[in-house]
Amino acid sequence: EWGALLEEMKPVRDKVSVLFVFQTPKSEELDVLFQRYGVRYPYFQDKDEKLKKVNGFPEDMSSLVFLLDKDNRVVLVGSPIGNTKLWQLYRKQITIILDLPKGLWPEKKAVTD
């Protein structure tokens, strides 16, 4: 569940930007979904699939998640939803990229779907 993962990111919320990218041409549907579920994160509508083409991402980007470093290079790819080890790797990389102190992230439950 994205809600649980985003909640766990509270310690770094002011340092890490979350952006949802969608390839649907129906922006009005996205607006309704974001309002219905109370999501307050920005999203980008990539109608021409430029993000996929520029980065060589797979055809099916329905649940593609990636982490960028300070130079906007992709450093991790894969959804941490339901994958505790991958979520720990995301946390570790965010800590390294931002040069955060150890112990900033509370040791908590796994993020599951």
PDB file of N, CA and C in Angstrom:
ATOM      1  N   GLU A   1       0.847  -1.182   0.000  1.00  0.00           N
ATOM      2  CA  GLU A   1       0.000   0.000   0.000  1.00  0.00           C
ATOM      3  C   GLU A   1       0.887   1.238   0.000  1.00  0.00           C
ATOM      4  N   TRP A   2       0.660   2.108  -0.974  1.00  0.00           N
ATOM      5  CA  TRP A   2       1.467   3.319  -1.069  1.00  0.00           C
ATOM      6  C   TRP A   2       1.308   4.214   0.146  1.00  0.00           C
ATOM      7  N   GLY A   3       0.131   4.227   0.725  1.00  0.00           N
ATOM      8  CA  GLY A   3      -0.098   5.075   1.895  1.00  0.00           C
ATOM      9  C   GLY A   3       0.856   4.757   3.025  1.00  0.00           C
ATOM     10  N   ALA A   4       1.073   3.463   3.289  1.00  0.00           N
ATOM     11  CA  ALA A   4       1.977   3.043   4.361  1.00  0.00           C
ATOM     12  C   ALA A   4       3.420   3.429   4.041  1.00  0.00           C
ATOM     13  N   LEU A   5       3.811   3.248   2.806  1.00  0.00           N
ATOM     14  CA  LEU A   5       5.180   3.588   2.415  1.00  0.00           C
ATOM     15  C   LEU A   5       5.411   5.093   2.524  1.00  0.00           C
ATOM     16  N   LEU A   6       4.470   5.876   2.033  1.00  0.00           N
ATOM     17  CA  LEU A   6       4.617   7.331   2.105  1.00  0.00           C
ATOM     18  C   LEU A   6       4.600   7.817   3.547  1.00  0.00           C
ATOM     19  N   GLU A   7       3.822   7.167   4.386  1.00  0.00           N
ATOM     20  CA  GLU A   7       3.792   7.509   5.813  1.00  0.00           C
ATOM     21  C   GLU A   7       5.150   7.234   6.454  1.00  0.00           C
ATOM     22  N   GLU A   8       5.777   6.142   6.059  1.00  0.00           N
ATOM     23  CA  GLU A   8       7.080   5.781   6.614  1.00  0.00           C
ATOM     24  C   GLU A   8       8.172   6.755   6.170  1.00  0.00           C
ATOM     25  N   MET A   9       7.915   7.490   5.107  1.00  0.00           N
ATOM     26  CA  MET A   9       8.897   8.453   4.600  1.00  0.00           C
ATOM     27  C   MET A   9       8.843   9.795   5.320  1.00  0.00           C
ATOM     28  N   LYS A  10       8.014   9.919   6.344  1.00  0.00           N
ATOM     29  CA  LYS A  10       7.882  11.196   7.061  1.00  0.00           C
ATOM     30  C   LYS A  10       9.212  11.822   7.470  1.00  0.00           C
ATOM     31  N   PRO A  11      10.191  11.034   7.977  1.00  0.00           N
ATOM     32  CA  PRO A  11      11.454  11.660   8.410  1.00  0.00           C
ATOM     33  C   PRO A  11      12.213  12.378   7.292  1.00  0.00           C
ATOM     34  N   VAL A  12      11.939  12.024   6.041  1.00  0.00           N
ATOM     35  CA  VAL A  12      12.680  12.636   4.931  1.00  0.00           C
ATOM     36  C   VAL A  12      11.771  13.391   3.967  1.00  0.00           C
ATOM     37  N   ARG A  13      10.545  13.598   4.361  1.00  0.00           N
ATOM     38  CA  ARG A  13       9.556  14.213   3.460  1.00  0.00           C
ATOM     39  C   ARG A  13      10.017  15.565   2.919  1.00  0.00           C
ATOM     40  N   ASP A  14      10.729  16.341   3.719  1.00  0.00           N
ATOM     41  CA  ASP A  14      11.182  17.654   3.246  1.00  0.00           C
ATOM     42  C   ASP A  14      12.449  17.569   2.397  1.00  0.00           C
ATOM     43  N   LYS A  15      13.028  16.373   2.273  1.00  0.00           N
ATOM     44  CA  LYS A  15      14.267  16.196   1.515  1.00  0.00           C
ATOM     45  C   LYS A  15      14.096  15.346   0.258  1.00  0.00           C
ATOM     46  N   VAL A  16      13.000  14.577   0.186  1.00  0.00           N
ATOM     47  CA  VAL A  16      12.772  13.650  -0.920  1.00  0.00           C
ATOM     48  C   VAL A  16      11.474  14.024  -1.622  1.00  0.00           C
ATOM     49  N   SER A  17      11.545  14.155  -2.924  1.00  0.00           N
ATOM     50  CA  SER A  17      10.341  14.446  -3.703  1.00  0.00           C
ATOM     51  C   SER A  17       9.769  13.153  -4.260  1.00  0.00           C
ATOM     52  N   VAL A  18       8.467  13.015  -4.150  1.00  0.00           N
ATOM     53  CA  VAL A  18       7.764  11.873  -4.724  1.00  0.00           C
ATOM     54  C   VAL A  18       6.922  12.411  -5.869  1.00  0.00           C
ATOM     55  N   LEU A  19       7.071  11.798  -7.025  1.00  0.00           N
ATOM     56  CA  LEU A  19       6.319  12.205  -8.201  1.00  0.00           C
ATOM     57  C   LEU A  19       5.734  10.963  -8.845  1.00  0.00           C
ATOM     58  N   PHE A  20       4.439  10.960  -9.034  1.00  0.00           N
ATOM     59  CA  PHE A  20       3.784   9.859  -9.728  1.00  0.00           C
ATOM     60  C   PHE A  20       3.716  10.215 -11.207  1.00  0.00           C
ATOM     61  N   VAL A  21       4.075   9.254 -12.069  1.00  0.00           N
ATOM     62  CA  VAL A  21       4.036   9.466 -13.511  1.00  0.00           C
ATOM     63  C   VAL A  21       3.038   8.476 -14.096  1.00  0.00           C
ATOM     64  N   PHE A  22       2.119   8.996 -14.894  1.00  0.00           N
ATOM     65  CA  PHE A  22       1.104   8.161 -15.523  1.00  0.00           C
ATOM     66  C   PHE A  22       1.151   8.355 -17.027  1.00  0.00           C
ATOM     67  N   GLN A  23       0.830   7.288 -17.754  1.00  0.00           N
ATOM     68  CA  GLN A  23       0.842   7.357 -19.207  1.00  0.00           C
ATOM     69  C   GLN A  23      -0.562   7.402 -19.800  1.00  0.00           C
ATOM     70  N   THR A  24      -1.545   7.621 -19.000  1.00  0.00           N
ATOM     71  CA  THR A  24      -2.915   7.686 -19.487  1.00  0.00           C
ATOM     72  C   THR A  24      -3.227   9.057 -20.082  1.00  0.00           C
ATOM     73  N   PRO A  25      -4.026   9.085 -21.147  1.00  0.00           N
ATOM     74  CA  PRO A  25      -4.429  10.382 -21.701  1.00  0.00           C
ATOM     75  C   PRO A  25      -5.597  11.012 -20.945  1.00  0.00           C
ATOM     76  N   LYS A  26      -6.098  10.343 -19.916  1.00  0.00           N
ATOM     77  CA  LYS A  26      -7.305  10.788 -19.214  1.00  0.00           C
ATOM     78  C   LYS A  26      -6.962  11.454 -17.883  1.00  0.00           C
ATOM     79  N   SER A  27      -6.540  12.696 -17.945  1.00  0.00           N
ATOM     80  CA  SER A  27      -6.122  13.389 -16.727  1.00  0.00           C
ATOM     81  C   SER A  27      -7.271  13.610 -15.754  1.00  0.00           C
ATOM     82  N   GLU A  28      -8.491  13.747 -16.252  1.00  0.00           N
ATOM     83  CA  GLU A  28      -9.620  13.959 -15.346  1.00  0.00           C
ATOM     84  C   GLU A  28      -9.835  12.755 -14.429  1.00  0.00           C
ATOM     85  N   GLU A  29      -9.558  11.550 -14.920  1.00  0.00           N
ATOM     86  CA  GLU A  29      -9.665  10.353 -14.077  1.00  0.00           C
ATOM     87  C   GLU A  29      -8.614  10.377 -12.968  1.00  0.00           C
ATOM     88  N   LEU A  30      -7.426  10.840 -13.287  1.00  0.00           N
ATOM     89  CA  LEU A  30      -6.365  10.931 -12.284  1.00  0.00           C
ATOM     90  C   LEU A  30      -6.739  11.928 -11.200  1.00  0.00           C
ATOM     91  N   ASP A  31      -7.279  13.056 -11.610  1.00  0.00           N
ATOM     92  CA  ASP A  31      -7.705  14.064 -10.631  1.00  0.00           C
ATOM     93  C   ASP A  31      -8.720  13.483  -9.655  1.00  0.00           C
ATOM     94  N   VAL A  32      -9.694  12.756 -10.176  1.00  0.00           N
ATOM     95  CA  VAL A  32     -10.739  12.155  -9.334  1.00  0.00           C
ATOM     96  C   VAL A  32     -10.130  11.134  -8.378  1.00  0.00           C
ATOM     97  N   LEU A  33      -9.250  10.271  -8.883  1.00  0.00           N
ATOM     98  CA  LEU A  33      -8.614   9.254  -8.028  1.00  0.00           C
ATOM     99  C   LEU A  33      -7.783   9.894  -6.920  1.00  0.00           C
ATOM    100  N   PHE A  34      -6.998  10.884  -7.257  1.00  0.00           N
ATOM    101  CA  PHE A  34      -6.157  11.537  -6.251  1.00  0.00           C
ATOM    102  C   PHE A  34      -7.009  12.215  -5.188  1.00  0.00           C
ATOM    103  N   GLN A  35      -8.107  12.832  -5.607  1.00  0.00           N
ATOM    104  CA  GLN A  35      -9.007  13.471  -4.640  1.00  0.00           C
ATOM    105  C   GLN A  35      -9.704  12.431  -3.770  1.00  0.00           C
ATOM    106  N   ARG A  36     -10.186  11.362  -4.376  1.00  0.00           N
ATOM    107  CA  ARG A  36     -10.914  10.325  -3.642  1.00  0.00           C
ATOM    108  C   ARG A  36     -10.061   9.715  -2.540  1.00  0.00           C
ATOM    109  N   TYR A  37      -8.786   9.456  -2.843  1.00  0.00           N
ATOM    110  CA  TYR A  37      -7.916   8.796  -1.874  1.00  0.00           C
ATOM    111  C   TYR A  37      -7.066   9.774  -1.061  1.00  0.00           C
ATOM    112  N   GLY A  38      -7.289  11.058  -1.243  1.00  0.00           N
ATOM    113  CA  GLY A  38      -6.582  12.052  -0.444  1.00  0.00           C
ATOM    114  C   GLY A  38      -5.089  12.121  -0.707  1.00  0.00           C
ATOM    115  N   VAL A  39      -4.670  11.766  -1.909  1.00  0.00           N
ATOM    116  CA  VAL A  39      -3.244  11.797  -2.255  1.00  0.00           C
ATOM    117  C   VAL A  39      -2.849  13.243  -2.534  1.00  0.00           C
ATOM    118  N   ARG A  40      -1.841  13.703  -1.822  1.00  0.00           N
ATOM    119  CA  ARG A  40      -1.403  15.091  -1.972  1.00  0.00           C
ATOM    120  C   ARG A  40       0.022  15.172  -2.523  1.00  0.00           C
ATOM    121  N   TYR A  41       0.289  14.355  -3.492  1.00  0.00           N
ATOM    122  CA  TYR A  41       1.591  14.375  -4.150  1.00  0.00           C
ATOM    123  C   TYR A  41       1.377  14.771  -5.604  1.00  0.00           C
ATOM    124  N   PRO A  42       2.370  15.430  -6.183  1.00  0.00           N
ATOM    125  CA  PRO A  42       2.209  15.821  -7.583  1.00  0.00           C
ATOM    126  C   PRO A  42       2.271  14.608  -8.510  1.00  0.00           C
ATOM    127  N   TYR A  43       1.673  14.772  -9.667  1.00  0.00           N
ATOM    128  CA  TYR A  43       1.800  13.734 -10.681  1.00  0.00           C
ATOM    129  C   TYR A  43       2.036  14.391 -12.032  1.00  0.00           C
ATOM    130  N   PHE A  44       2.635  13.612 -12.907  1.00  0.00           N
ATOM    131  CA  PHE A  44       2.964  14.062 -14.252  1.00  0.00           C
ATOM    132  C   PHE A  44       2.295  13.119 -15.228  1.00  0.00           C
ATOM    133  N   GLN A  45       1.681  13.674 -16.229  1.00  0.00           N
ATOM    134  CA  GLN A  45       1.005  12.869 -17.234  1.00  0.00           C
ATOM    135  C   GLN A  45       1.899  12.796 -18.469  1.00  0.00           C
ATOM    136  N   ASP A  46       2.468  11.627 -18.718  1.00  0.00           N
ATOM    137  CA  ASP A  46       3.410  11.417 -19.815  1.00  0.00           C
ATOM    138  C   ASP A  46       2.687  10.738 -20.980  1.00  0.00           C
ATOM    139  N   LYS A  47       1.876  11.500 -21.686  1.00  0.00           N
ATOM    140  CA  LYS A  47       1.055  10.946 -22.769  1.00  0.00           C
ATOM    141  C   LYS A  47       1.897  10.345 -23.892  1.00  0.00           C
ATOM    142  N   ASP A  48       3.057  10.920 -24.147  1.00  0.00           N
ATOM    143  CA  ASP A  48       3.900  10.469 -25.256  1.00  0.00           C
ATOM    144  C   ASP A  48       4.950   9.444 -24.838  1.00  0.00           C
ATOM    145  N   GLU A  49       4.923   9.027 -23.585  1.00  0.00           N
ATOM    146  CA  GLU A  49       5.844   8.014 -23.046  1.00  0.00           C
ATOM    147  C   GLU A  49       7.312   8.407 -23.205  1.00  0.00           C
ATOM    148  N   LYS A  50       7.599   9.677 -23.086  1.00  0.00           N
ATOM    149  CA  LYS A  50       8.979  10.156 -23.234  1.00  0.00           C
ATOM    150  C   LYS A  50       9.892   9.631 -22.132  1.00  0.00           C
ATOM    151  N   LEU A  51       9.376   9.554 -20.915  1.00  0.00           N
ATOM    152  CA  LEU A  51      10.184   9.060 -19.799  1.00  0.00           C
ATOM    153  C   LEU A  51      10.667   7.638 -20.070  1.00  0.00           C
ATOM    154  N   LYS A  52       9.780   6.815 -20.562  1.00  0.00           N
ATOM    155  CA  LYS A  52      10.120   5.423 -20.875  1.00  0.00           C
ATOM    156  C   LYS A  52      11.162   5.357 -21.991  1.00  0.00           C
ATOM    157  N   LYS A  53      10.979   6.146 -23.024  1.00  0.00           N
ATOM    158  CA  LYS A  53      11.881   6.115 -24.176  1.00  0.00           C
ATOM    159  C   LYS A  53      13.282   6.612 -23.814  1.00  0.00           C
ATOM    160  N   VAL A  54      13.357   7.714 -23.086  1.00  0.00           N
ATOM    161  CA  VAL A  54      14.651   8.306 -22.728  1.00  0.00           C
ATOM    162  C   VAL A  54      15.453   7.389 -21.814  1.00  0.00           C
ATOM    163  N   ASN A  55      14.776   6.696 -20.888  1.00  0.00           N
ATOM    164  CA  ASN A  55      15.467   5.874 -19.896  1.00  0.00           C
ATOM    165  C   ASN A  55      15.529   4.395 -20.235  1.00  0.00           C
ATOM    166  N   GLY A  56      14.943   3.981 -21.353  1.00  0.00           N
ATOM    167  CA  GLY A  56      14.976   2.572 -21.734  1.00  0.00           C
ATOM    168  C   GLY A  56      14.183   1.689 -20.785  1.00  0.00           C
ATOM    169  N   PHE A  57      13.105   2.230 -20.217  1.00  0.00           N
ATOM    170  CA  PHE A  57      12.273   1.455 -19.304  1.00  0.00           C
ATOM    171  C   PHE A  57      11.469   0.419 -20.085  1.00  0.00           C
ATOM    172  N   PRO A  58      11.006  -0.639 -19.401  1.00  0.00           N
ATOM    173  CA  PRO A  58      10.237  -1.690 -20.075  1.00  0.00           C
ATOM    174  C   PRO A  58       8.891  -1.174 -20.586  1.00  0.00           C
ATOM    175  N   GLU A  59       8.316  -1.923 -21.523  1.00  0.00           N
ATOM    176  CA  GLU A  59       7.017  -1.550 -22.090  1.00  0.00           C
ATOM    177  C   GLU A  59       5.950  -1.406 -21.022  1.00  0.00           C
ATOM    178  N   ASP A  60       5.879  -2.375 -20.104  1.00  0.00           N
ATOM    179  CA  ASP A  60       4.855  -2.333 -19.060  1.00  0.00           C
ATOM    180  C   ASP A  60       5.372  -1.510 -17.891  1.00  0.00           C
ATOM    181  N   MET A  61       4.921  -0.281 -17.823  1.00  0.00           N
ATOM    182  CA  MET A  61       5.332   0.604 -16.734  1.00  0.00           C
ATOM    183  C   MET A  61       4.206   0.787 -15.726  1.00  0.00           C
ATOM    184  N   SER A  62       3.292  -0.167 -15.663  1.00  0.00           N
ATOM    185  CA  SER A  62       2.117  -0.003 -14.809  1.00  0.00           C
ATOM    186  C   SER A  62       2.477   0.162 -13.339  1.00  0.00           C
ATOM    187  N   SER A  63       3.553  -0.434 -12.898  1.00  0.00           N
ATOM    188  CA  SER A  63       3.948  -0.270 -11.494  1.00  0.00           C
ATOM    189  C   SER A  63       5.455  -0.066 -11.366  1.00  0.00           C
ATOM    190  N   LEU A  64       6.028   0.624 -12.321  1.00  0.00           N
ATOM    191  CA  LEU A  64       7.464   0.878 -12.301  1.00  0.00           C
ATOM    192  C   LEU A  64       7.781   1.958 -11.272  1.00  0.00           C
ATOM    193  N   VAL A  65       8.719   1.652 -10.412  1.00  0.00           N
ATOM    194  CA  VAL A  65       9.161   2.588  -9.378  1.00  0.00           C
ATOM    195  C   VAL A  65      10.668   2.727  -9.529  1.00  0.00           C
ATOM    196  N   PHE A  66      11.161   3.951  -9.423  1.00  0.00           N
ATOM    197  CA  PHE A  66      12.604   4.137  -9.514  1.00  0.00           C
ATOM    198  C   PHE A  66      13.031   5.290  -8.632  1.00  0.00           C
ATOM    199  N   LEU A  67      14.306   5.279  -8.281  1.00  0.00           N
ATOM    200  CA  LEU A  67      14.904   6.307  -7.436  1.00  0.00           C
ATOM    201  C   LEU A  67      15.975   7.018  -8.243  1.00  0.00           C
ATOM    202  N   LEU A  68      15.935   8.347  -8.197  1.00  0.00           N
ATOM    203  CA  LEU A  68      16.943   9.155  -8.875  1.00  0.00           C
ATOM    204  C   LEU A  68      17.923   9.716  -7.859  1.00  0.00           C
ATOM    205  N   ASP A  69      19.171   9.882  -8.290  1.00  0.00           N
ATOM    206  CA  ASP A  69      20.146  10.527  -7.412  1.00  0.00           C
ATOM    207  C   ASP A  69      20.090  12.042  -7.628  1.00  0.00           C
ATOM    208  N   LYS A  70      21.033  12.754  -7.041  1.00  0.00           N
ATOM    209  CA  LYS A  70      21.035  14.219  -7.132  1.00  0.00           C
ATOM    210  C   LYS A  70      21.250  14.724  -8.556  1.00  0.00           C
ATOM    211  N   ASP A  71      21.821  13.868  -9.421  1.00  0.00           N
ATOM    212  CA  ASP A  71      22.062  14.245 -10.815  1.00  0.00           C
ATOM    213  C   ASP A  71      20.978  13.713 -11.747  1.00  0.00           C
ATOM    214  N   ASN A  72      19.863  13.274 -11.162  1.00  0.00           N
ATOM    215  CA  ASN A  72      18.726  12.724 -11.912  1.00  0.00           C
ATOM    216  C   ASN A  72      19.064  11.455 -12.687  1.00  0.00           C
ATOM    217  N   ARG A  73      20.010  10.685 -12.173  1.00  0.00           N
ATOM    218  CA  ARG A  73      20.321   9.376 -12.754  1.00  0.00           C
ATOM    219  C   ARG A  73      19.542   8.321 -11.991  1.00  0.00           C
ATOM    220  N   VAL A  74      19.035   7.338 -12.716  1.00  0.00           N
ATOM    221  CA  VAL A  74      18.304   6.240 -12.085  1.00  0.00           C
ATOM    222  C   VAL A  74      19.303   5.365 -11.335  1.00  0.00           C
ATOM    223  N   VAL A  75      19.094   5.182 -10.024  1.00  0.00           N
ATOM    224  CA  VAL A  75      19.997   4.358  -9.221  1.00  0.00           C
ATOM    225  C   VAL A  75      19.333   3.079  -8.720  1.00  0.00           C
ATOM    226  N   LEU A  76      18.013   3.046  -8.678  1.00  0.00           N
ATOM    227  CA  LEU A  76      17.277   1.842  -8.275  1.00  0.00           C
ATOM    228  C   LEU A  76      16.006   1.750  -9.098  1.00  0.00           C
ATOM    229  N   VAL A  77      15.657   0.525  -9.482  1.00  0.00           N
ATOM    230  CA  VAL A  77      14.412   0.287 -10.202  1.00  0.00           C
ATOM    231  C   VAL A  77      13.715  -0.895  -9.561  1.00  0.00           C
ATOM    232  N   GLY A  78      12.433  -0.764  -9.318  1.00  0.00           N
ATOM    233  CA  GLY A  78      11.640  -1.855  -8.761  1.00  0.00           C
ATOM    234  C   GLY A  78      10.689  -1.342  -7.701  1.00  0.00           C
ATOM    235  N   SER A  79       9.548  -1.974  -7.598  1.00  0.00           N
ATOM    236  CA  SER A  79       8.555  -1.534  -6.623  1.00  0.00           C
ATOM    237  C   SER A  79       8.845  -2.113  -5.245  1.00  0.00           C
ATOM    238  N   PRO A  80       8.937  -1.254  -4.230  1.00  0.00           N
ATOM    239  CA  PRO A  80       9.151  -1.744  -2.872  1.00  0.00           C
ATOM    240  C   PRO A  80       7.865  -2.233  -2.207  1.00  0.00           C
ATOM    241  N   ILE A  81       6.735  -2.081  -2.868  1.00  0.00           N
ATOM    242  CA  ILE A  81       5.465  -2.534  -2.309  1.00  0.00           C
ATOM    243  C   ILE A  81       5.484  -4.057  -2.228  1.00  0.00           C
ATOM    244  N   GLY A  82       5.341  -4.572  -1.015  1.00  0.00           N
ATOM    245  CA  GLY A  82       5.359  -6.013  -0.805  1.00  0.00           C
ATOM    246  C   GLY A  82       6.748  -6.630  -0.837  1.00  0.00           C
ATOM    247  N   ASN A  83       7.787  -5.806  -0.892  1.00  0.00           N
ATOM    248  CA  ASN A  83       9.157  -6.301  -0.978  1.00  0.00           C
ATOM    249  C   ASN A  83      10.009  -5.571   0.069  1.00  0.00           C
ATOM    250  N   THR A  84      10.053  -6.137   1.266  1.00  0.00           N
ATOM    251  CA  THR A  84      10.748  -5.501   2.384  1.00  0.00           C
ATOM    252  C   THR A  84      12.226  -5.269   2.092  1.00  0.00           C
ATOM    253  N   LYS A  85      12.881  -6.241   1.483  1.00  0.00           N
ATOM    254  CA  LYS A  85      14.315  -6.089   1.197  1.00  0.00           C
ATOM    255  C   LYS A  85      14.571  -4.938   0.230  1.00  0.00           C
ATOM    256  N   LEU A  86      13.720  -4.809  -0.775  1.00  0.00           N
ATOM    257  CA  LEU A  86      13.901  -3.714  -1.725  1.00  0.00           C
ATOM    258  C   LEU A  86      13.605  -2.373  -1.058  1.00  0.00           C
ATOM    259  N   TRP A  87      12.604  -2.319  -0.180  1.00  0.00           N
ATOM    260  CA  TRP A  87      12.311  -1.079   0.544  1.00  0.00           C
ATOM    261  C   TRP A  87      13.496  -0.692   1.425  1.00  0.00           C
ATOM    262  N   GLN A  88      14.127  -1.663   2.073  1.00  0.00           N
ATOM    263  CA  GLN A  88      15.315  -1.373   2.882  1.00  0.00           C
ATOM    264  C   GLN A  88      16.436  -0.817   2.000  1.00  0.00           C
ATOM    265  N   LEU A  89      16.560  -1.344   0.791  1.00  0.00           N
ATOM    266  CA  LEU A  89      17.575  -0.849  -0.140  1.00  0.00           C
ATOM    267  C   LEU A  89      17.259   0.591  -0.571  1.00  0.00           C
ATOM    268  N   TYR A  90      15.994   0.882  -0.823  1.00  0.00           N
ATOM    269  CA  TYR A  90      15.608   2.268  -1.131  1.00  0.00           C
ATOM    270  C   TYR A  90      15.988   3.189   0.025  1.00  0.00           C
ATOM    271  N   ARG A  91      15.643   2.784   1.237  1.00  0.00           N
ATOM    272  CA  ARG A  91      15.968   3.605   2.411  1.00  0.00           C
ATOM    273  C   ARG A  91      17.475   3.824   2.529  1.00  0.00           C
ATOM    274  N   LYS A  92      18.241   2.765   2.309  1.00  0.00           N
ATOM    275  CA  LYS A  92      19.701   2.868   2.395  1.00  0.00           C
ATOM    276  C   LYS A  92      20.233   3.843   1.340  1.00  0.00           C
ATOM    277  N   GLN A  93      19.748   3.719   0.113  1.00  0.00           N
ATOM    278  CA  GLN A  93      20.219   4.599  -0.958  1.00  0.00           C
ATOM    279  C   GLN A  93      19.813   6.053  -0.713  1.00  0.00           C
ATOM    280  N   ILE A  94      18.603   6.275  -0.209  1.00  0.00           N
ATOM    281  CA  ILE A  94      18.168   7.639   0.114  1.00  0.00           C
ATOM    282  C   ILE A  94      19.071   8.224   1.194  1.00  0.00           C
ATOM    283  N   THR A  95      19.406   7.418   2.193  1.00  0.00           N
ATOM    284  CA  THR A  95      20.295   7.860   3.269  1.00  0.00           C
ATOM    285  C   THR A  95      21.664   8.249   2.718  1.00  0.00           C
ATOM    286  N   ILE A  96      22.191   7.440   1.794  1.00  0.00           N
ATOM    287  CA  ILE A  96      23.497   7.719   1.188  1.00  0.00           C
ATOM    288  C   ILE A  96      23.433   8.968   0.310  1.00  0.00           C
ATOM    289  N   ILE A  97      22.434   9.030  -0.556  1.00  0.00           N
ATOM    290  CA  ILE A  97      22.312  10.156  -1.489  1.00  0.00           C
ATOM    291  C   ILE A  97      22.200  11.479  -0.741  1.00  0.00           C
ATOM    292  N   LEU A  98      21.419  11.490   0.327  1.00  0.00           N
ATOM    293  CA  LEU A  98      21.195  12.727   1.077  1.00  0.00           C
ATOM    294  C   LEU A  98      22.174  12.930   2.223  1.00  0.00           C
ATOM    295  N   ASP A  99      23.086  11.967   2.406  1.00  0.00           N
ATOM    296  CA  ASP A  99      24.061  12.033   3.494  1.00  0.00           C
ATOM    297  C   ASP A  99      23.357  12.262   4.835  1.00  0.00           C
ATOM    298  N   LEU A 100      22.370  11.411   5.107  1.00  0.00           N
ATOM    299  CA  LEU A 100      21.572  11.519   6.329  1.00  0.00           C
ATOM    300  C   LEU A 100      22.235  10.770   7.478  1.00  0.00           C
ATOM    301  N   PRO A 101      21.951  11.165   8.701  1.00  0.00           N
ATOM    302  CA  PRO A 101      22.506  10.439   9.855  1.00  0.00           C
ATOM    303  C   PRO A 101      21.875   9.057   9.987  1.00  0.00           C
ATOM    304  N   LYS A 102      22.662   8.114  10.477  1.00  0.00           N
ATOM    305  CA  LYS A 102      22.128   6.771  10.729  1.00  0.00           C
ATOM    306  C   LYS A 102      21.068   6.859  11.812  1.00  0.00           C
ATOM    307  N   GLY A 103      20.088   5.983  11.732  1.00  0.00           N
ATOM    308  CA  GLY A 103      19.041   5.943  12.735  1.00  0.00           C
ATOM    309  C   GLY A 103      17.892   6.903  12.470  1.00  0.00           C
ATOM    310  N   LEU A 104      17.951   7.631  11.358  1.00  0.00           N
ATOM    311  CA  LEU A 104      16.869   8.558  11.032  1.00  0.00           C
ATOM    312  C   LEU A 104      15.571   7.810  10.731  1.00  0.00           C
ATOM    313  N   TRP A 105      15.706   6.670  10.053  1.00  0.00           N
ATOM    314  CA  TRP A 105      14.551   5.854   9.707  1.00  0.00           C
ATOM    315  C   TRP A 105      14.238   4.928  10.875  1.00  0.00           C
ATOM    316  N   PRO A 106      13.044   4.962  11.380  1.00  0.00           N
ATOM    317  CA  PRO A 106      12.691   4.003  12.436  1.00  0.00           C
ATOM    318  C   PRO A 106      12.605   2.595  11.865  1.00  0.00           C
ATOM    319  N   GLU A 107      13.093   1.627  12.622  1.00  0.00           N
ATOM    320  CA  GLU A 107      12.959   0.232  12.199  1.00  0.00           C
ATOM    321  C   GLU A 107      11.518  -0.163  12.440  1.00  0.00           C
ATOM    322  N   LYS A 108      10.826  -0.450  11.365  1.00  0.00           N
ATOM    323  CA  LYS A 108       9.394  -0.692  11.465  1.00  0.00           C
ATOM    324  C   LYS A 108       8.978  -1.910  10.674  1.00  0.00           C
ATOM    325  N   LYS A 109       7.689  -2.027  10.593  1.00  0.00           N
ATOM    326  CA  LYS A 109       7.050  -3.121   9.874  1.00  0.00           C
ATOM    327  C   LYS A 109       7.400  -3.087   8.397  1.00  0.00           C
ATOM    328  N   ALA A 110       7.165  -4.197   7.748  1.00  0.00           N
ATOM    329  CA  ALA A 110       7.370  -4.280   6.316  1.00  0.00           C
ATOM    330  C   ALA A 110       6.218  -3.592   5.604  1.00  0.00           C
ATOM    331  N   VAL A 111       6.513  -3.066   4.425  1.00  0.00           N
ATOM    332  CA  VAL A 111       5.473  -2.487   3.592  1.00  0.00           C
ATOM    333  C   VAL A 111       4.900  -3.620   2.759  1.00  0.00           C
ATOM    334  N   THR A 112       3.620  -3.838   2.878  1.00  0.00           N
ATOM    335  CA  THR A 112       2.989  -4.940   2.145  1.00  0.00           C
ATOM    336  C   THR A 112       1.873  -4.431   1.268  1.00  0.00           C
ATOM    337  N   ASP A 113       1.448  -5.312   0.315  1.00  0.00           N
ATOM    338  CA  ASP A 113       0.329  -4.878  -0.517  1.00  0.00           C
ATOM    339  C   ASP A 113      -0.970  -5.365   0.024  1.00  0.00           C
TER     340      ASP A 113
END
